[in-house]
Amino acid sequence: MHLCQDGTEYPERSSQLAETILIVDDDPVQLRLLSGALTKFGYETLSAETGDEALAVLTGPKAESIALVVLDLVMPELDGMGVLERMHKSGIAKPVIVQTAHGGIDTVVSAMRAGATDFFVKPVSPERLEVSIRNALKVEALEGEVARMRRKVEGTLTFADIVTESPAMSRVIALGERGAASTIPIIVEGESGVGKEVIARAIQGSSARAGRPFVAVNCGAIPENLVESTLFGHEKGAFTGATDRRVGKFVEADGGTLFLDEVSELPHEAQVKLLRALQEGEVDPVGGRKPVKTDFRLISATNRSMIDLVREGRFREDLYYRLNVFPIMVPPLRARREDIPALVKHFVTRFAAEEKKRIDRIRPEAMELLTRYSWPGNVRQLENAVFRAVVLADGAELGAAEFSQIAAQMEDMPSLAGAPSTVSADAIPLHETPPQPVPDAAPLEPAGIAAAAAPQPGVLTVLNEDGHVRPMEEIEGEVIRLALEHYRGRMTEVARRLGIGRSTLYRRLRELDLDVAQ
């Protein structure tokens, strides 16, 4: 327990999903007390003893890290009201909580009109201080998320909206900004789930085409017989089922950006037409009498080695050199673990708002678990894990128990699986492996047949729990699900490895009621 100014005690907090707080006060004692309290709450602090010094910090190199300002209203020379006015004129959009020894209603109203988020009267109780800061940061985070989503919809998302603290991603952003200043074809490479589309949207939002159409196409998710029609359009009656004219994705992107995700999955015929579209700036609709001109910026993406596909004869060499003019490689999440805390905060803020929950803290052991996990599914997997944790959470903080699925996959951290959120980080024995339960043998009806083993990842179980052979349709569905997961939804590769055509694969998916997006 720790003492505040009025002698009351307050408890230490668990790990906080917050950043740095700037404390502005001309009283050194008050500065020290507030700084100590906020540090124990889990925040980092900066301090300033004058209004001019505060403005220097807010416009200096540490300005980006400051999440909130605690500002004293009564100071010599430049007072708190003056600081608020100058922040407004300079466009410094930081939430401000004002503090004063005089709680007059006129003073409070003036401060709120000048842009303050909240206020408190000195001396403040630790509970009031904590609630005020948590509310202000939550409102600020929600406003930031809403603004980011609005920019995404409007096509004005920029590299400043990318959540990252990693030097590796800094290099990606630097390349993206250079590419955005030109019309050069860009290919974004990286594993599934690393955020290739986010990079593509930031390139669009940072270019002269910001605010124009951004048309995203997953080439691996289009049935092979519909690829040309989807990309290049078709005329009415061009083929059976073409009851209306369709302009195609290239024409939809006219004046804006066309993003071809998993471009390596395009069939050979579509590759030929894509090459012509890049060379001539026009497309040939299926059944059309003449080509259609279109002005688009092409950004493609892949999670495969394009040069290997060229060597295997599965991707046109001339098209490869057309697409691979300006490659940007996005590193996997395991190579930029510095981004995990910031991404967790980002996802918690969004999902807590969507689920109407108040969550703003994460236990140290839970954050350690997340930063040590390898994340084979990258940012997309982390996003889904946080979503699940927010749904499971009962209180205002996330602990290791909410990430039990991740903890169960950690070979070196098994004790974290199901750990209660109230246990401190030091109490979690990371090196101990709990004894594994031995499953009871299931009685079998058919003689001479061994009991069905518990299903393991990547292993197909032929027998059911009763020892009988499972139905063929059930086994076939599991094989297709396994292939979809193993090849990360790349439909061409799944079909090739299963020895069936893509149209047959899509038909079986519909018949088995399987989700194509798996």
Protein backbone atom coordinates (compact mmCIF):
# COMPACT_ATOMS: atom_id res chain seq x y z
CA MET A 1 0.00 0.00 0.00
CA HIS A 2 1.12 3.59 -0.65
CA LEU A 3 0.23 6.99 0.79
CA CYS A 4 -1.35 9.87 -1.10
CA GLN A 5 -1.24 13.57 -0.13
CA ASP A 6 -4.09 13.35 2.37
CA GLY A 7 -2.60 10.29 4.10
CA THR A 8 -5.00 7.77 2.56
CA GLU A 9 -3.71 4.51 1.17
CA TYR A 10 -4.15 3.14 -2.28
CA PRO A 11 -3.22 -0.26 -3.72
CA GLU A 12 -0.78 -1.00 -6.52
CA ARG A 13 -2.41 -1.64 -9.87
CA SER A 14 -1.88 -4.40 -12.34
CA SER A 15 -0.23 -3.70 -15.69
CA GLN A 16 -1.88 -0.74 -17.42
CA LEU A 17 -2.76 -0.40 -21.08
CA ALA A 18 -1.77 3.28 -21.00
CA GLU A 19 1.15 5.49 -21.96
CA THR A 20 2.97 8.49 -20.55
CA ILE A 21 1.21 11.23 -18.55
CA LEU A 22 2.57 14.78 -18.36
CA ILE A 23 2.07 16.44 -14.93
CA VAL A 24 2.20 20.25 -14.91
CA ASP A 25 2.39 21.95 -11.50
CA ASP A 26 4.56 24.66 -9.97
CA ASP A 27 4.46 22.93 -6.56
CA PRO A 28 7.36 20.39 -6.31
CA VAL A 29 5.63 18.49 -3.52
CA GLN A 30 2.44 18.07 -5.56
CA LEU A 31 4.52 17.03 -8.57
CA ARG A 32 6.27 14.34 -6.56
CA LEU A 33 3.06 13.02 -4.99
CA LEU A 34 1.17 12.84 -8.29
CA SER A 35 4.12 11.28 -10.07
CA GLY A 36 4.44 8.63 -7.37
CA ALA A 37 0.73 7.86 -7.46
CA LEU A 38 0.59 7.57 -11.24
CA THR A 39 3.71 5.40 -11.29
CA LYS A 40 2.11 3.00 -8.81
CA PHE A 41 -1.01 2.99 -10.97
CA GLY A 42 1.13 1.64 -13.82
CA TYR A 43 1.78 4.80 -15.87
CA GLU A 44 5.01 6.49 -16.90
CA THR A 45 5.24 10.20 -16.07
CA LEU A 46 6.89 13.38 -17.27
CA SER A 47 6.78 16.61 -15.27
CA ALA A 48 6.86 20.36 -15.95
CA GLU A 49 6.88 23.18 -13.40
CA THR A 50 5.70 26.00 -15.68
CA GLY A 51 3.24 26.44 -18.52
CA ASP A 52 6.02 27.31 -20.99
CA GLU A 53 7.94 24.19 -19.99
CA ALA A 54 4.80 22.08 -20.53
CA LEU A 55 4.30 23.48 -24.04
CA ALA A 56 7.96 22.77 -24.83
CA VAL A 57 7.43 19.12 -23.84
CA LEU A 58 4.19 18.91 -25.85
CA THR A 59 5.95 20.13 -28.98
CA GLY A 60 9.24 18.29 -28.38
CA PRO A 61 10.53 14.83 -29.29
CA LYS A 62 8.57 13.13 -26.47
CA ALA A 63 5.23 14.61 -27.52
CA GLU A 64 4.05 11.49 -29.37
CA SER A 65 4.40 9.31 -26.28
CA ILE A 66 2.24 11.57 -24.10
CA ALA A 67 -1.27 10.17 -23.71
CA LEU A 68 -2.71 12.70 -21.23
CA VAL A 69 -1.91 15.93 -19.38
CA VAL A 70 -2.68 16.66 -15.71
CA LEU A 71 -2.60 20.46 -15.60
CA ASP A 72 -2.65 22.85 -12.63
CA LEU A 73 -4.73 25.94 -13.37
CA VAL A 74 -3.01 28.36 -10.95
CA MET A 75 0.64 28.94 -11.92
CA PRO A 76 2.80 32.06 -12.21
CA GLU A 77 3.34 33.65 -15.63
CA LEU A 78 1.59 31.26 -18.08
CA ASP A 79 -1.25 29.63 -16.10
CA GLY A 80 -3.33 26.57 -16.94
CA MET A 81 -5.93 28.48 -18.95
CA GLY A 82 -3.15 29.96 -21.05
CA VAL A 83 -1.71 26.50 -21.68
CA LEU A 84 -5.13 25.23 -22.82
CA GLU A 85 -5.54 28.18 -25.20
CA ARG A 86 -2.09 27.67 -26.75
CA MET A 87 -2.66 23.93 -27.09
CA HIS A 88 -5.86 24.65 -28.98
CA LYS A 89 -4.18 27.19 -31.29
CA SER A 90 -1.28 24.80 -31.98
CA GLY A 91 -3.58 21.86 -32.71
CA ILE A 92 -2.23 19.75 -29.82
CA ALA A 93 -5.05 17.26 -29.32
CA LYS A 94 -4.23 15.68 -25.96
CA PRO A 95 -6.83 14.98 -23.26
CA VAL A 96 -6.30 17.36 -20.32
CA ILE A 97 -7.43 16.94 -16.71
CA VAL A 98 -7.18 20.20 -14.80
CA GLN A 99 -6.49 20.44 -11.08
CA THR A 100 -7.07 23.39 -8.81
CA ALA A 101 -7.18 24.23 -5.13
CA HIS A 102 -10.25 26.38 -5.78
CA GLY A 103 -13.30 24.55 -7.09
CA GLY A 104 -15.37 27.52 -8.23
CA ILE A 105 -17.97 26.63 -10.84
CA ASP A 106 -16.93 29.52 -13.10
CA THR A 107 -13.33 28.28 -13.17
CA VAL A 108 -14.40 24.74 -13.98
CA VAL A 109 -16.78 25.83 -16.77
CA SER A 110 -14.08 28.02 -18.34
CA ALA A 111 -11.57 25.16 -18.28
CA MET A 112 -14.01 22.72 -19.85
CA ARG A 113 -14.91 25.21 -22.57
CA ALA A 114 -11.20 25.68 -23.24
CA GLY A 115 -10.85 21.95 -23.96
CA ALA A 116 -10.32 20.20 -20.61
CA THR A 117 -11.69 16.67 -20.37
CA ASP A 118 -12.18 16.58 -16.58
CA PHE A 119 -11.14 18.33 -13.38
CA PHE A 120 -10.46 17.61 -9.72
CA VAL A 121 -9.91 19.68 -6.60
CA LYS A 122 -6.65 19.28 -4.64
CA PRO A 123 -6.00 17.16 -2.65
CA VAL A 124 -7.50 14.39 -4.75
CA SER A 125 -8.26 10.88 -3.54
CA PRO A 126 -6.50 8.05 -5.39
CA GLU A 127 -9.81 6.57 -6.46
CA ARG A 128 -11.00 9.85 -8.01
CA LEU A 129 -7.65 10.36 -9.73
CA GLU A 130 -7.62 6.86 -11.19
CA VAL A 131 -11.20 6.98 -12.44
CA SER A 132 -10.66 10.37 -14.04
CA ILE A 133 -7.55 9.22 -15.89
CA ARG A 134 -9.08 5.92 -16.99
CA ASN A 135 -12.19 7.64 -18.36
CA ALA A 136 -10.18 10.29 -20.20
CA LEU A 137 -7.87 7.73 -21.80
CA LYS A 138 -10.78 5.51 -22.75
CA VAL A 139 -12.62 8.35 -24.47
CA GLU A 140 -9.44 9.40 -26.26
CA ALA A 141 -8.73 5.84 -27.41
CA LEU A 142 -12.29 5.36 -28.66
CA GLU A 143 -12.18 8.63 -30.55
CA GLY A 144 -8.91 7.54 -32.12
CA GLU A 145 -10.37 4.18 -33.15
CA VAL A 146 -13.47 5.81 -34.63
CA ALA A 147 -11.31 8.28 -36.57
CA ARG A 148 -9.09 5.43 -37.84
CA MET A 149 -12.09 3.42 -39.01
CA ARG A 150 -13.53 6.49 -40.71
CA ARG A 151 -10.26 7.08 -42.56
CA LYS A 152 -10.20 3.43 -43.63
CA VAL A 153 -13.70 3.70 -45.11
CA GLU A 154 -12.89 7.03 -46.78
CA GLY A 155 -9.63 5.73 -48.27
CA THR A 156 -7.51 8.23 -46.32
CA LEU A 157 -5.79 5.82 -43.91
CA THR A 158 -2.10 6.75 -43.63
CA PHE A 159 1.06 5.24 -42.19
CA ALA A 160 0.48 7.30 -39.03
CA ASP A 161 -2.53 5.05 -38.37
CA ILE A 162 -0.45 1.86 -38.34
CA VAL A 163 0.01 0.56 -34.80
CA THR A 164 3.69 -0.25 -34.42
CA GLU A 165 6.71 0.28 -32.17
CA SER A 166 9.08 -1.94 -34.17
CA PRO A 167 12.23 -0.84 -36.04
CA ALA A 168 11.48 -3.54 -38.62
CA MET A 169 8.11 -1.95 -39.34
CA SER A 170 9.72 1.49 -39.47
CA ARG A 171 11.65 0.28 -42.51
CA VAL A 172 8.41 -1.02 -44.06
CA ILE A 173 6.73 2.34 -43.48
CA ALA A 174 9.70 4.22 -44.96
CA LEU A 175 9.50 2.09 -48.11
CA GLY A 176 5.72 2.49 -48.25
CA GLU A 177 5.97 6.27 -48.05
CA ARG A 178 8.47 6.31 -50.91
CA GLY A 179 6.24 4.06 -52.99
CA ALA A 180 3.18 6.19 -52.23
CA ALA A 181 4.86 9.24 -53.75
CA SER A 182 5.03 7.45 -57.10
CA THR A 183 2.71 5.41 -59.34
CA ILE A 184 5.15 2.48 -59.42
CA PRO A 185 3.56 -1.01 -59.13
CA ILE A 186 4.06 -2.33 -55.59
CA ILE A 187 4.00 -5.90 -54.34
CA VAL A 188 3.60 -6.44 -50.58
CA GLU A 189 5.06 -9.75 -49.43
CA GLY A 190 4.64 -11.53 -46.11
CA GLU A 191 2.96 -14.37 -44.29
CA SER A 192 -0.82 -14.57 -43.97
CA GLY A 193 -2.16 -12.24 -41.30
CA VAL A 194 0.79 -9.80 -41.11
CA GLY A 195 -1.30 -6.84 -42.33
CA LYS A 196 -0.50 -6.59 -46.03
CA GLU A 197 -3.85 -4.96 -46.82
CA VAL A 198 -3.30 -2.37 -44.10
CA ILE A 199 0.02 -1.43 -45.75
CA ALA A 200 -1.72 -1.22 -49.11
CA ARG A 201 -4.44 1.06 -47.69
CA ALA A 202 -1.80 3.29 -46.08
CA ILE A 203 -0.01 3.58 -49.43
CA GLN A 204 -3.28 4.63 -51.04
CA GLY A 205 -4.09 7.11 -48.25
CA SER A 206 -0.62 8.65 -48.46
CA SER A 207 -0.70 9.04 -52.24
CA ALA A 208 -2.34 11.44 -54.67
CA ARG A 209 -5.19 8.92 -54.97
CA ALA A 210 -6.26 9.30 -51.32
CA GLY A 211 -10.02 9.34 -50.99
CA ARG A 212 -10.48 7.55 -54.32
CA PRO A 213 -11.85 3.98 -54.62
CA PHE A 214 -9.82 1.22 -52.95
CA VAL A 215 -10.93 -2.11 -54.42
CA ALA A 216 -9.57 -5.21 -52.67
CA VAL A 217 -9.76 -8.62 -54.33
CA ASN A 218 -8.67 -11.96 -52.83
CA CYS A 219 -7.58 -13.84 -55.94
CA GLY A 220 -7.44 -17.15 -54.09
CA ALA A 221 -11.09 -16.96 -53.03
CA ILE A 222 -12.57 -16.56 -56.54
CA PRO A 223 -13.74 -19.76 -58.30
CA GLU A 224 -11.50 -20.39 -61.31
CA ASN A 225 -14.36 -20.12 -63.81
CA LEU A 226 -15.32 -16.68 -62.46
CA VAL A 227 -11.87 -15.05 -62.20
CA GLU A 228 -11.95 -13.26 -65.56
CA SER A 229 -15.55 -12.11 -65.13
CA THR A 230 -14.85 -10.82 -61.60
CA LEU A 231 -11.67 -8.95 -62.51
CA PHE A 232 -12.32 -7.75 -66.05
CA GLY A 233 -16.13 -7.73 -66.20
CA HIS A 234 -18.54 -9.29 -68.70
CA GLU A 235 -21.30 -8.29 -71.05
CA LYS A 236 -24.89 -9.43 -70.69
CA GLY A 237 -25.31 -12.88 -72.23
CA ALA A 238 -21.56 -13.51 -72.50
CA PHE A 239 -22.02 -16.91 -70.87
CA THR A 240 -24.68 -18.98 -69.17
CA GLY A 241 -25.89 -17.11 -66.10
CA ALA A 242 -24.65 -13.67 -67.26
CA THR A 243 -28.05 -12.02 -66.97
CA ASP A 244 -26.60 -8.54 -66.40
CA ARG A 245 -23.57 -6.55 -67.45
CA ARG A 246 -20.71 -6.41 -64.92
CA VAL A 247 -17.94 -3.81 -65.08
CA GLY A 248 -15.30 -5.81 -63.14
CA LYS A 249 -12.88 -4.85 -60.38
CA PHE A 250 -10.42 -3.05 -62.67
CA VAL A 251 -13.08 -0.62 -63.83
CA GLU A 252 -14.45 -0.26 -60.26
CA ALA A 253 -10.96 0.92 -59.25
CA ASP A 254 -10.85 3.59 -61.98
CA GLY A 255 -9.14 6.66 -60.55
CA GLY A 256 -8.15 4.78 -57.40
CA THR A 257 -6.25 1.69 -56.29
CA LEU A 258 -6.74 -2.00 -57.10
CA PHE A 259 -5.37 -4.35 -54.43
CA LEU A 260 -4.88 -7.93 -55.64
CA ASP A 261 -4.33 -10.09 -52.58
CA GLU A 262 -2.80 -13.55 -53.13
CA VAL A 263 -2.01 -12.59 -56.72
CA SER A 264 0.04 -15.79 -57.04
CA GLU A 265 -3.25 -17.75 -57.09
CA LEU A 266 -4.38 -16.28 -60.42
CA PRO A 267 -4.87 -18.92 -63.15
CA HIS A 268 -2.72 -18.67 -66.27
CA GLU A 269 -5.42 -17.16 -68.52
CA ALA A 270 -6.07 -14.35 -66.04
CA GLN A 271 -2.33 -13.68 -65.78
CA VAL A 272 -2.21 -12.97 -69.53
CA LYS A 273 -5.08 -10.46 -69.30
CA LEU A 274 -3.57 -8.84 -66.19
CA LEU A 275 -0.31 -8.29 -68.07
CA ARG A 276 -2.20 -6.58 -70.89
CA ALA A 277 -4.10 -4.41 -68.42
CA LEU A 278 -0.81 -3.25 -66.87
CA GLN A 279 0.82 -2.59 -70.24
CA GLU A 280 -2.08 -0.91 -72.02
CA GLY A 281 -4.18 0.52 -69.18
CA GLU A 282 -7.27 -1.23 -70.54
CA VAL A 283 -9.20 -4.46 -69.93
CA ASP A 284 -11.14 -6.84 -72.16
CA PRO A 285 -14.51 -7.75 -70.63
CA VAL A 286 -15.74 -11.28 -71.28
CA GLY A 287 -17.95 -11.10 -74.37
CA GLY A 288 -17.03 -7.46 -74.97
CA ARG A 289 -16.46 -6.05 -78.46
CA LYS A 290 -13.76 -3.57 -77.53
CA PRO A 291 -11.39 -2.95 -74.60
CA VAL A 292 -12.32 -0.55 -71.79
CA LYS A 293 -9.84 2.09 -70.63
CA THR A 294 -9.26 2.34 -66.88
CA ASP A 295 -6.89 4.38 -64.73
CA PHE A 296 -5.82 2.38 -61.67
CA ARG A 297 -2.89 2.06 -59.29
CA LEU A 298 -2.00 -1.60 -58.77
CA ILE A 299 -0.81 -2.97 -55.44
CA SER A 300 -0.51 -6.74 -55.24
CA ALA A 301 0.27 -9.02 -52.33
CA THR A 302 1.39 -12.59 -51.80
CA ASN A 303 2.41 -14.93 -49.00
CA ARG A 304 4.41 -17.16 -51.34
CA SER A 305 7.80 -17.02 -53.06
CA MET A 306 6.94 -15.62 -56.48
CA ILE A 307 10.33 -16.47 -57.98
CA ASP A 308 9.83 -20.14 -57.02
CA LEU A 309 6.45 -20.14 -58.77
CA VAL A 310 8.10 -18.65 -61.86
CA ARG A 311 10.76 -21.38 -61.83
CA GLU A 312 8.05 -24.02 -61.53
CA GLY A 313 6.24 -22.54 -64.54
CA ARG A 314 3.15 -21.68 -62.49
CA PHE A 315 3.48 -17.90 -62.82
CA ARG A 316 4.40 -15.91 -65.92
CA GLU A 317 7.91 -14.54 -65.80
CA ASP A 318 7.02 -11.36 -67.74
CA LEU A 319 4.13 -10.64 -65.36
CA TYR A 320 6.36 -11.32 -62.35
CA TYR A 321 8.79 -8.61 -63.44
CA ARG A 322 5.87 -6.24 -64.03
CA LEU A 323 4.55 -6.76 -60.51
CA ASN A 324 7.84 -7.06 -58.65
CA VAL A 325 9.09 -3.55 -59.44
CA PHE A 326 8.88 -2.24 -55.85
CA PRO A 327 8.68 -5.11 -53.32
CA ILE A 328 7.87 -4.46 -49.65
CA MET A 329 8.41 -7.33 -47.22
CA VAL A 330 6.27 -7.17 -44.06
CA PRO A 331 7.94 -9.14 -41.22
CA PRO A 332 5.93 -11.69 -39.23
CA LEU A 333 4.74 -10.74 -35.76
CA ARG A 334 7.29 -13.04 -34.09
CA ALA A 335 10.03 -10.87 -35.65
CA ARG A 336 8.56 -7.65 -34.23
CA ARG A 337 7.43 -8.53 -30.73
CA GLU A 338 7.75 -4.86 -29.73
CA ASP A 339 4.45 -4.32 -31.54
CA ILE A 340 2.47 -6.78 -29.42
CA PRO A 341 1.68 -4.52 -26.40
CA ALA A 342 0.57 -1.67 -28.69
CA LEU A 343 -1.54 -4.01 -30.82
CA VAL A 344 -3.12 -5.54 -27.72
CA LYS A 345 -4.10 -2.08 -26.49
CA HIS A 346 -5.49 -1.24 -29.92
CA PHE A 347 -7.62 -4.39 -30.12
CA VAL A 348 -8.78 -4.22 -26.50
CA THR A 349 -10.02 -0.67 -27.00
CA ARG A 350 -11.98 -1.60 -30.12
CA PHE A 351 -13.47 -4.86 -28.92
CA ALA A 352 -14.30 -3.58 -25.43
CA ALA A 353 -16.32 -0.79 -27.07
CA GLU A 354 -18.05 -3.23 -29.41
CA GLU A 355 -18.89 -5.59 -26.54
CA LYS A 356 -19.89 -2.67 -24.24
CA LYS A 357 -17.32 -3.63 -21.58
CA ARG A 358 -14.97 -1.56 -19.42
CA ILE A 359 -11.53 -3.13 -19.88
CA ASP A 360 -8.35 -1.09 -19.59
CA ARG A 361 -5.79 -3.27 -17.87
CA ILE A 362 -3.90 -6.45 -18.56
CA ARG A 363 -2.06 -8.56 -16.03
CA PRO A 364 1.76 -8.75 -16.37
CA GLU A 365 1.68 -12.54 -16.75
CA ALA A 366 -0.87 -12.26 -19.56
CA MET A 367 1.22 -9.71 -21.45
CA GLU A 368 4.30 -11.87 -20.97
CA LEU A 369 2.38 -14.82 -22.38
CA LEU A 370 1.35 -12.83 -25.45
CA THR A 371 4.82 -11.43 -26.11
CA ARG A 372 6.49 -14.84 -25.83
CA TYR A 373 4.06 -16.72 -28.07
CA SER A 374 5.23 -17.26 -31.67
CA TRP A 375 1.91 -16.23 -33.35
CA PRO A 376 1.94 -18.41 -36.48
CA GLY A 377 -1.23 -16.61 -37.61
CA ASN A 378 0.44 -13.22 -36.99
CA VAL A 379 -1.61 -10.07 -36.30
CA ARG A 380 -4.87 -11.68 -37.39
CA GLN A 381 -4.42 -14.44 -34.81
CA LEU A 382 -3.57 -11.91 -32.09
CA GLU A 383 -6.68 -9.91 -33.00
CA ASN A 384 -8.89 -12.99 -32.67
CA ALA A 385 -7.23 -14.00 -29.38
CA VAL A 386 -7.87 -10.55 -27.89
CA PHE A 387 -11.46 -10.58 -29.15
CA ARG A 388 -12.06 -13.90 -27.40
CA ALA A 389 -10.39 -12.63 -24.21
CA VAL A 390 -12.59 -9.52 -24.15
CA VAL A 391 -15.71 -11.66 -24.54
CA LEU A 392 -14.58 -13.93 -21.68
CA ALA A 393 -13.55 -11.12 -19.32
CA ASP A 394 -15.76 -10.49 -16.31
CA GLY A 395 -13.93 -7.47 -14.89
CA ALA A 396 -11.90 -4.47 -15.97
CA GLU A 397 -8.69 -6.40 -16.63
CA LEU A 398 -7.48 -9.28 -18.77
CA GLY A 399 -5.46 -12.07 -17.21
CA ALA A 400 -3.84 -15.27 -18.39
CA ALA A 401 -7.12 -17.12 -17.85
CA GLU A 402 -8.69 -15.16 -20.72
CA PHE A 403 -5.88 -16.38 -23.02
CA SER A 404 -6.03 -20.04 -22.03
CA GLN A 405 -6.01 -21.21 -25.67
CA ILE A 406 -2.69 -19.45 -26.24
CA ALA A 407 -1.24 -20.63 -22.94
CA ALA A 408 -2.14 -24.22 -23.81
CA GLN A 409 0.06 -24.00 -26.90
CA MET A 410 3.10 -22.69 -25.04
CA GLU A 411 5.49 -25.57 -24.41
CA ASP A 412 7.58 -23.57 -21.96
CA MET A 413 4.70 -21.78 -20.17
CA PRO A 414 2.05 -24.44 -19.49
CA SER A 415 1.34 -23.19 -15.97
CA LEU A 416 -0.19 -20.01 -17.38
CA ALA A 417 -3.11 -21.87 -18.91
CA GLY A 418 -6.16 -21.11 -16.81
CA ALA A 419 -4.21 -19.00 -14.31
CA PRO A 420 -6.55 -16.71 -12.33
CA SER A 421 -6.31 -13.00 -13.09
CA THR A 422 -5.84 -12.13 -9.42
CA VAL A 423 -2.50 -13.95 -9.09
CA SER A 424 0.51 -11.62 -9.27
CA ALA A 425 3.15 -12.07 -11.96
CA ASP A 426 5.79 -13.24 -9.46
CA ALA A 427 3.48 -16.02 -8.26
CA ILE A 428 3.34 -17.70 -11.68
CA PRO A 429 5.96 -20.51 -11.86
CA LEU A 430 6.90 -20.38 -15.55
CA HIS A 431 9.32 -23.29 -15.46
CA GLU A 432 7.09 -26.00 -14.00
CA THR A 433 5.14 -28.41 -16.17
CA PRO A 434 1.95 -29.76 -14.58
CA PRO A 435 1.37 -33.53 -14.79
CA GLN A 436 -0.62 -34.55 -17.84
CA PRO A 437 -3.90 -36.40 -17.16
CA VAL A 438 -4.12 -39.93 -18.52
CA PRO A 439 -7.36 -40.41 -20.52
CA ASP A 440 -9.58 -43.30 -19.55
CA ALA A 441 -9.84 -46.05 -22.14
CA ALA A 442 -13.21 -46.05 -23.90
CA PRO A 443 -15.05 -49.36 -24.10
CA LEU A 444 -15.18 -50.76 -27.62
CA GLU A 445 -17.95 -52.83 -29.15
CA PRO A 446 -16.16 -54.30 -32.20
CA ALA A 447 -13.59 -56.87 -31.12
CA GLY A 448 -9.95 -56.48 -32.12
CA ILE A 449 -10.17 -52.73 -32.77
CA ALA A 450 -8.00 -50.42 -30.69
CA ALA A 451 -9.61 -47.47 -28.97
CA ALA A 452 -9.69 -44.25 -30.95
CA ALA A 453 -6.90 -41.98 -29.82
CA ALA A 454 -7.58 -38.42 -28.79
CA PRO A 455 -7.41 -36.19 -31.88
CA GLN A 456 -4.12 -34.39 -32.37
CA PRO A 457 -3.52 -31.29 -34.51
CA GLY A 458 -2.90 -32.34 -38.13
CA VAL A 459 -3.91 -35.97 -37.46
CA LEU A 460 -7.02 -37.48 -39.02
CA THR A 461 -8.97 -39.82 -36.72
CA VAL A 462 -10.77 -42.60 -38.62
CA LEU A 463 -12.53 -44.13 -35.62
CA ASN A 464 -15.12 -42.37 -33.48
CA GLU A 465 -15.32 -42.41 -29.67
CA ASP A 466 -17.20 -45.72 -29.76
CA GLY A 467 -14.49 -47.40 -31.82
CA HIS A 468 -16.54 -47.49 -35.04
CA VAL A 469 -15.37 -46.15 -38.40
CA ARG A 470 -16.63 -42.60 -39.00
CA PRO A 471 -18.88 -41.84 -42.02
CA MET A 472 -17.04 -41.06 -45.28
CA GLU A 473 -18.64 -37.60 -45.63
CA GLU A 474 -17.49 -36.65 -42.12
CA ILE A 475 -13.91 -37.78 -42.85
CA GLU A 476 -13.91 -35.98 -46.22
CA GLY A 477 -15.06 -32.76 -44.57
CA GLU A 478 -12.29 -33.01 -41.98
CA VAL A 479 -9.69 -33.63 -44.73
CA ILE A 480 -10.81 -30.52 -46.61
CA ARG A 481 -10.83 -28.45 -43.39
CA LEU A 482 -7.32 -29.68 -42.58
CA ALA A 483 -6.09 -28.81 -46.07
CA LEU A 484 -7.67 -25.33 -45.91
CA GLU A 485 -5.95 -24.65 -42.61
CA HIS A 486 -2.61 -26.16 -43.67
CA TYR A 487 -2.44 -24.14 -46.91
CA ARG A 488 -4.01 -21.05 -45.25
CA GLY A 489 -7.03 -20.87 -47.51
CA ARG A 490 -5.12 -20.84 -50.82
CA MET A 491 -7.79 -22.56 -52.87
CA THR A 492 -5.62 -23.37 -55.90
CA GLU A 493 -3.01 -25.04 -53.71
CA VAL A 494 -5.68 -26.92 -51.71
CA ALA A 495 -7.28 -28.23 -54.89
CA ARG A 496 -3.92 -29.24 -56.36
CA ARG A 497 -2.82 -31.09 -53.23
CA LEU A 498 -6.16 -32.89 -52.93
CA GLY A 499 -6.00 -33.86 -56.62
CA ILE A 500 -9.31 -32.21 -57.57
CA GLY A 501 -10.34 -29.20 -59.63
CA ARG A 502 -11.12 -25.84 -58.00
CA SER A 503 -14.72 -26.02 -59.17
CA THR A 504 -15.04 -29.47 -57.56
CA LEU A 505 -13.50 -28.11 -54.36
CA TYR A 506 -15.99 -25.22 -54.21
CA ARG A 507 -18.87 -27.62 -54.90
CA ARG A 508 -17.79 -29.94 -52.07
CA LEU A 509 -17.42 -26.92 -49.75
CA ARG A 510 -21.02 -25.95 -50.45
CA GLU A 511 -22.29 -29.51 -50.08
CA LEU A 512 -20.45 -29.99 -46.79
CA ASP A 513 -21.54 -26.51 -45.60
CA LEU A 514 -17.93 -25.46 -44.97
CA ASP A 515 -16.86 -21.83 -44.68
CA VAL A 516 -14.65 -20.83 -47.64
CA ALA A 517 -12.97 -18.14 -45.48
CA GLN A 518 -11.33 -20.74 -43.24
